[in-house]
Amino acid sequence: MKYSRKNELDVDFIGGQEPLTKEEEKAISDYIKAKKAQSVKVIPVRKKRSIKREKSLA
């Protein structure tokens, strides 16, 4: 079944056309660094155990 979008999206524009100030750039950079630090999960590395097999004479 195919859906068509009948309503136009209401999009808010934040900011303007001028470039970011140094304070805004620093605030965004700090925010992204904090989010990355929160999302980094340390996954412990598990060592694979080798199965020791004995040779058997047939």
PDB file of N, CA and C in Angstrom:
ATOM      1  N   MET A   1       0.841  -1.155   0.000  1.00  0.00           N
ATOM      2  CA  MET A   1       0.000   0.000   0.000  1.00  0.00           C
ATOM      3  C   MET A   1       0.903   1.240   0.000  1.00  0.00           C
ATOM      4  N   LYS A   2       0.605   2.173  -0.839  1.00  0.00           N
ATOM      5  CA  LYS A   2       1.436   3.367  -0.964  1.00  0.00           C
ATOM      6  C   LYS A   2       0.736   4.546  -0.302  1.00  0.00           C
ATOM      7  N   TYR A   3       1.479   5.253   0.519  1.00  0.00           N
ATOM      8  CA  TYR A   3       0.934   6.409   1.217  1.00  0.00           C
ATOM      9  C   TYR A   3       1.425   7.686   0.548  1.00  0.00           C
ATOM     10  N   SER A   4       0.572   8.671   0.515  1.00  0.00           N
ATOM     11  CA  SER A   4       0.995   9.973   0.021  1.00  0.00           C
ATOM     12  C   SER A   4       0.870  10.983   1.152  1.00  0.00           C
ATOM     13  N   ARG A   5       1.762  11.915   1.165  1.00  0.00           N
ATOM     14  CA  ARG A   5       1.787  12.916   2.218  1.00  0.00           C
ATOM     15  C   ARG A   5       0.862  14.058   1.801  1.00  0.00           C
ATOM     16  N   LYS A   6      -0.181  14.263   2.577  1.00  0.00           N
ATOM     17  CA  LYS A   6      -1.149  15.299   2.244  1.00  0.00           C
ATOM     18  C   LYS A   6      -0.860  16.601   2.969  1.00  0.00           C
ATOM     19  N   ASN A   7      -0.249  16.507   4.159  1.00  0.00           N
ATOM     20  CA  ASN A   7       0.008  17.703   4.950  1.00  0.00           C
ATOM     21  C   ASN A   7       1.430  18.182   4.721  1.00  0.00           C
ATOM     22  N   GLU A   8       1.578  19.496   4.611  1.00  0.00           N
ATOM     23  CA  GLU A   8       2.903  20.066   4.468  1.00  0.00           C
ATOM     24  C   GLU A   8       3.558  20.104   5.834  1.00  0.00           C
ATOM     25  N   LEU A   9       4.827  19.783   5.882  1.00  0.00           N
ATOM     26  CA  LEU A   9       5.535  19.766   7.152  1.00  0.00           C
ATOM     27  C   LEU A   9       5.764  21.188   7.647  1.00  0.00           C
ATOM     28  N   ASP A  10       5.616  21.367   8.958  1.00  0.00           N
ATOM     29  CA  ASP A  10       5.866  22.662   9.573  1.00  0.00           C
ATOM     30  C   ASP A  10       7.281  22.637  10.126  1.00  0.00           C
ATOM     31  N   VAL A  11       8.213  23.249   9.414  1.00  0.00           N
ATOM     32  CA  VAL A  11       9.624  23.205   9.773  1.00  0.00           C
ATOM     33  C   VAL A  11      10.031  24.560  10.336  1.00  0.00           C
ATOM     34  N   ASP A  12      10.685  24.517  11.494  1.00  0.00           N
ATOM     35  CA  ASP A  12      11.207  25.738  12.089  1.00  0.00           C
ATOM     36  C   ASP A  12      12.664  25.894  11.690  1.00  0.00           C
ATOM     37  N   PHE A  13      13.039  27.102  11.345  1.00  0.00           N
ATOM     38  CA  PHE A  13      14.423  27.391  11.017  1.00  0.00           C
ATOM     39  C   PHE A  13      15.054  28.079  12.215  1.00  0.00           C
ATOM     40  N   ILE A  14      16.167  27.513  12.673  1.00  0.00           N
ATOM     41  CA  ILE A  14      16.869  28.089  13.817  1.00  0.00           C
ATOM     42  C   ILE A  14      18.099  28.804  13.286  1.00  0.00           C
ATOM     43  N   GLY A  15      18.289  30.024  13.719  1.00  0.00           N
ATOM     44  CA  GLY A  15      19.463  30.771  13.288  1.00  0.00           C
ATOM     45  C   GLY A  15      19.169  31.582  12.050  1.00  0.00           C
ATOM     46  N   GLY A  16      20.203  32.076  11.470  1.00  0.00           N
ATOM     47  CA  GLY A  16      20.061  32.911  10.289  1.00  0.00           C
ATOM     48  C   GLY A  16      21.070  32.516   9.245  1.00  0.00           C
ATOM     49  N   GLN A  17      21.345  33.433   8.329  1.00  0.00           N
ATOM     50  CA  GLN A  17      22.270  33.156   7.243  1.00  0.00           C
ATOM     51  C   GLN A  17      23.707  33.517   7.591  1.00  0.00           C
ATOM     52  N   GLU A  18      23.910  34.273   8.660  1.00  0.00           N
ATOM     53  CA  GLU A  18      25.267  34.682   9.018  1.00  0.00           C
ATOM     54  C   GLU A  18      26.009  33.508   9.661  1.00  0.00           C
ATOM     55  N   PRO A  19      27.348  33.500   9.571  1.00  0.00           N
ATOM     56  CA  PRO A  19      28.131  32.393  10.146  1.00  0.00           C
ATOM     57  C   PRO A  19      28.052  32.382  11.680  1.00  0.00           C
ATOM     58  N   LEU A  20      28.391  31.241  12.239  1.00  0.00           N
ATOM     59  CA  LEU A  20      28.353  31.088  13.690  1.00  0.00           C
ATOM     60  C   LEU A  20      29.436  31.935  14.357  1.00  0.00           C
ATOM     61  N   THR A  21      29.139  32.376  15.554  1.00  0.00           N
ATOM     62  CA  THR A  21      30.141  33.102  16.322  1.00  0.00           C
ATOM     63  C   THR A  21      31.055  32.091  17.004  1.00  0.00           C
ATOM     64  N   LYS A  22      32.162  32.555  17.542  1.00  0.00           N
ATOM     65  CA  LYS A  22      33.111  31.663  18.227  1.00  0.00           C
ATOM     66  C   LYS A  22      32.452  31.006  19.435  1.00  0.00           C
ATOM     67  N   GLU A  23      31.611  31.742  20.152  1.00  0.00           N
ATOM     68  CA  GLU A  23      30.927  31.181  21.325  1.00  0.00           C
ATOM     69  C   GLU A  23      29.958  30.072  20.913  1.00  0.00           C
ATOM     70  N   GLU A  24      29.245  30.290  19.801  1.00  0.00           N
ATOM     71  CA  GLU A  24      28.305  29.275  19.324  1.00  0.00           C
ATOM     72  C   GLU A  24      29.051  28.026  18.853  1.00  0.00           C
ATOM     73  N   GLU A  25      30.163  28.224  18.145  1.00  0.00           N
ATOM     74  CA  GLU A  25      30.951  27.080  17.690  1.00  0.00           C
ATOM     75  C   GLU A  25      31.473  26.275  18.868  1.00  0.00           C
ATOM     76  N   LYS A  26      31.958  26.957  19.903  1.00  0.00           N
ATOM     77  CA  LYS A  26      32.485  26.275  21.088  1.00  0.00           C
ATOM     78  C   LYS A  26      31.379  25.532  21.820  1.00  0.00           C
ATOM     79  N   ALA A  27      30.190  26.143  21.931  1.00  0.00           N
ATOM     80  CA  ALA A  27      29.070  25.498  22.608  1.00  0.00           C
ATOM     81  C   ALA A  27      28.644  24.229  21.874  1.00  0.00           C
ATOM     82  N   ILE A  28      28.582  24.291  20.562  1.00  0.00           N
ATOM     83  CA  ILE A  28      28.199  23.117  19.777  1.00  0.00           C
ATOM     84  C   ILE A  28      29.274  22.037  19.887  1.00  0.00           C
ATOM     85  N   SER A  29      30.532  22.430  19.811  1.00  0.00           N
ATOM     86  CA  SER A  29      31.633  21.481  19.916  1.00  0.00           C
ATOM     87  C   SER A  29      31.634  20.772  21.270  1.00  0.00           C
ATOM     88  N   ASP A  30      31.435  21.553  22.340  1.00  0.00           N
ATOM     89  CA  ASP A  30      31.398  20.968  23.685  1.00  0.00           C
ATOM     90  C   ASP A  30      30.233  20.001  23.835  1.00  0.00           C
ATOM     91  N   TYR A  31      29.090  20.359  23.263  1.00  0.00           N
ATOM     92  CA  TYR A  31      27.903  19.500  23.341  1.00  0.00           C
ATOM     93  C   TYR A  31      28.162  18.176  22.620  1.00  0.00           C
ATOM     94  N   ILE A  32      28.739  18.240  21.432  1.00  0.00           N
ATOM     95  CA  ILE A  32      29.005  17.017  20.661  1.00  0.00           C
ATOM     96  C   ILE A  32      30.017  16.133  21.379  1.00  0.00           C
ATOM     97  N   LYS A  33      31.057  16.748  21.950  1.00  0.00           N
ATOM     98  CA  LYS A  33      32.055  15.967  22.696  1.00  0.00           C
ATOM     99  C   LYS A  33      31.430  15.278  23.897  1.00  0.00           C
ATOM    100  N   ALA A  34      30.530  15.976  24.604  1.00  0.00           N
ATOM    101  CA  ALA A  34      29.874  15.387  25.770  1.00  0.00           C
ATOM    102  C   ALA A  34      28.980  14.220  25.352  1.00  0.00           C
ATOM    103  N   LYS A  35      28.272  14.360  24.247  1.00  0.00           N
ATOM    104  CA  LYS A  35      27.411  13.286  23.766  1.00  0.00           C
ATOM    105  C   LYS A  35      28.220  12.066  23.347  1.00  0.00           C
ATOM    106  N   LYS A  36      29.362  12.302  22.685  1.00  0.00           N
ATOM    107  CA  LYS A  36      30.210  11.187  22.271  1.00  0.00           C
ATOM    108  C   LYS A  36      30.776  10.462  23.483  1.00  0.00           C
ATOM    109  N   ALA A  37      31.158  11.224  24.512  1.00  0.00           N
ATOM    110  CA  ALA A  37      31.712  10.612  25.716  1.00  0.00           C
ATOM    111  C   ALA A  37      30.666   9.758  26.417  1.00  0.00           C
ATOM    112  N   GLN A  38      29.418  10.166  26.372  1.00  0.00           N
ATOM    113  CA  GLN A  38      28.346   9.392  26.999  1.00  0.00           C
ATOM    114  C   GLN A  38      28.035   8.138  26.206  1.00  0.00           C
ATOM    115  N   SER A  39      28.124   8.223  24.875  1.00  0.00           N
ATOM    116  CA  SER A  39      27.709   7.104  24.041  1.00  0.00           C
ATOM    117  C   SER A  39      28.780   6.038  23.876  1.00  0.00           C
ATOM    118  N   VAL A  40      30.022   6.361  24.204  1.00  0.00           N
ATOM    119  CA  VAL A  40      31.104   5.382  24.059  1.00  0.00           C
ATOM    120  C   VAL A  40      30.964   4.336  25.159  1.00  0.00           C
ATOM    121  N   LYS A  41      30.802   3.101  24.733  1.00  0.00           N
ATOM    122  CA  LYS A  41      30.689   2.003  25.677  1.00  0.00           C
ATOM    123  C   LYS A  41      31.917   1.122  25.537  1.00  0.00           C
ATOM    124  N   VAL A  42      32.492   0.776  26.650  1.00  0.00           N
ATOM    125  CA  VAL A  42      33.669  -0.076  26.636  1.00  0.00           C
ATOM    126  C   VAL A  42      33.199  -1.524  26.595  1.00  0.00           C
ATOM    127  N   ILE A  43      33.575  -2.198  25.542  1.00  0.00           N
ATOM    128  CA  ILE A  43      33.215  -3.604  25.394  1.00  0.00           C
ATOM    129  C   ILE A  43      34.434  -4.432  25.771  1.00  0.00           C
ATOM    130  N   PRO A  44      34.312  -5.240  26.816  1.00  0.00           N
ATOM    131  CA  PRO A  44      35.472  -6.045  27.213  1.00  0.00           C
ATOM    132  C   PRO A  44      35.812  -7.077  26.131  1.00  0.00           C
ATOM    133  N   VAL A  45      37.080  -7.242  25.915  1.00  0.00           N
ATOM    134  CA  VAL A  45      37.544  -8.194  24.912  1.00  0.00           C
ATOM    135  C   VAL A  45      37.666  -9.548  25.586  1.00  0.00           C
ATOM    136  N   ARG A  46      37.001 -10.517  25.022  1.00  0.00           N
ATOM    137  CA  ARG A  46      37.061 -11.867  25.567  1.00  0.00           C
ATOM    138  C   ARG A  46      38.091 -12.669  24.794  1.00  0.00           C
ATOM    139  N   LYS A  47      38.872 -13.394  25.543  1.00  0.00           N
ATOM    140  CA  LYS A  47      39.851 -14.250  24.898  1.00  0.00           C
ATOM    141  C   LYS A  47      39.191 -15.573  24.551  1.00  0.00           C
ATOM    142  N   LYS A  48      39.468 -16.030  23.359  1.00  0.00           N
ATOM    143  CA  LYS A  48      38.922 -17.317  22.937  1.00  0.00           C
ATOM    144  C   LYS A  48      39.775 -18.424  23.538  1.00  0.00           C
ATOM    145  N   ARG A  49      39.116 -19.386  24.074  1.00  0.00           N
ATOM    146  CA  ARG A  49      39.832 -20.525  24.637  1.00  0.00           C
ATOM    147  C   ARG A  49      40.082 -21.535  23.533  1.00  0.00           C
ATOM    148  N   SER A  50      41.283 -21.982  23.490  1.00  0.00           N
ATOM    149  CA  SER A  50      41.593 -23.000  22.500  1.00  0.00           C
ATOM    150  C   SER A  50      41.319 -24.367  23.129  1.00  0.00           C
ATOM    151  N   ILE A  51      40.703 -25.190  22.365  1.00  0.00           N
ATOM    152  CA  ILE A  51      40.374 -26.535  22.837  1.00  0.00           C
ATOM    153  C   ILE A  51      41.558 -27.439  22.548  1.00  0.00           C
ATOM    154  N   LYS A  52      42.076 -28.018  23.609  1.00  0.00           N
ATOM    155  CA  LYS A  52      43.202 -28.917  23.436  1.00  0.00           C
ATOM    156  C   LYS A  52      42.662 -30.296  23.078  1.00  0.00           C
ATOM    157  N   ARG A  53      43.110 -30.780  21.956  1.00  0.00           N
ATOM    158  CA  ARG A  53      42.665 -32.103  21.514  1.00  0.00           C
ATOM    159  C   ARG A  53      43.862 -33.043  21.555  1.00  0.00           C
ATOM    160  N   GLU A  54      43.601 -34.197  22.026  1.00  0.00           N
ATOM    161  CA  GLU A  54      44.658 -35.184  22.081  1.00  0.00           C
ATOM    162  C   GLU A  54      44.579 -36.076  20.842  1.00  0.00           C
ATOM    163  N   LYS A  55      45.731 -36.396  20.363  1.00  0.00           N
ATOM    164  CA  LYS A  55      45.761 -37.274  19.197  1.00  0.00           C
ATOM    165  C   LYS A  55      45.473 -38.698  19.674  1.00  0.00           C
ATOM    166  N   SER A  56      44.635 -39.336  18.974  1.00  0.00           N
ATOM    167  CA  SER A  56      44.362 -40.731  19.310  1.00  0.00           C
ATOM    168  C   SER A  56      44.776 -41.616  18.129  1.00  0.00           C
ATOM    169  N   LEU A  57      45.368 -42.712  18.446  1.00  0.00           N
ATOM    170  CA  LEU A  57      45.780 -43.649  17.413  1.00  0.00           C
ATOM    171  C   LEU A  57      44.620 -44.570  17.082  1.00  0.00           C
ATOM    172  N   ALA A  58      44.362 -44.734  15.819  1.00  0.00           N
ATOM    173  CA  ALA A  58      43.235 -45.558  15.411  1.00  0.00           C
ATOM    174  C   ALA A  58      43.602 -47.003  15.233  1.00  0.00           C
TER     175      ALA A  58
END
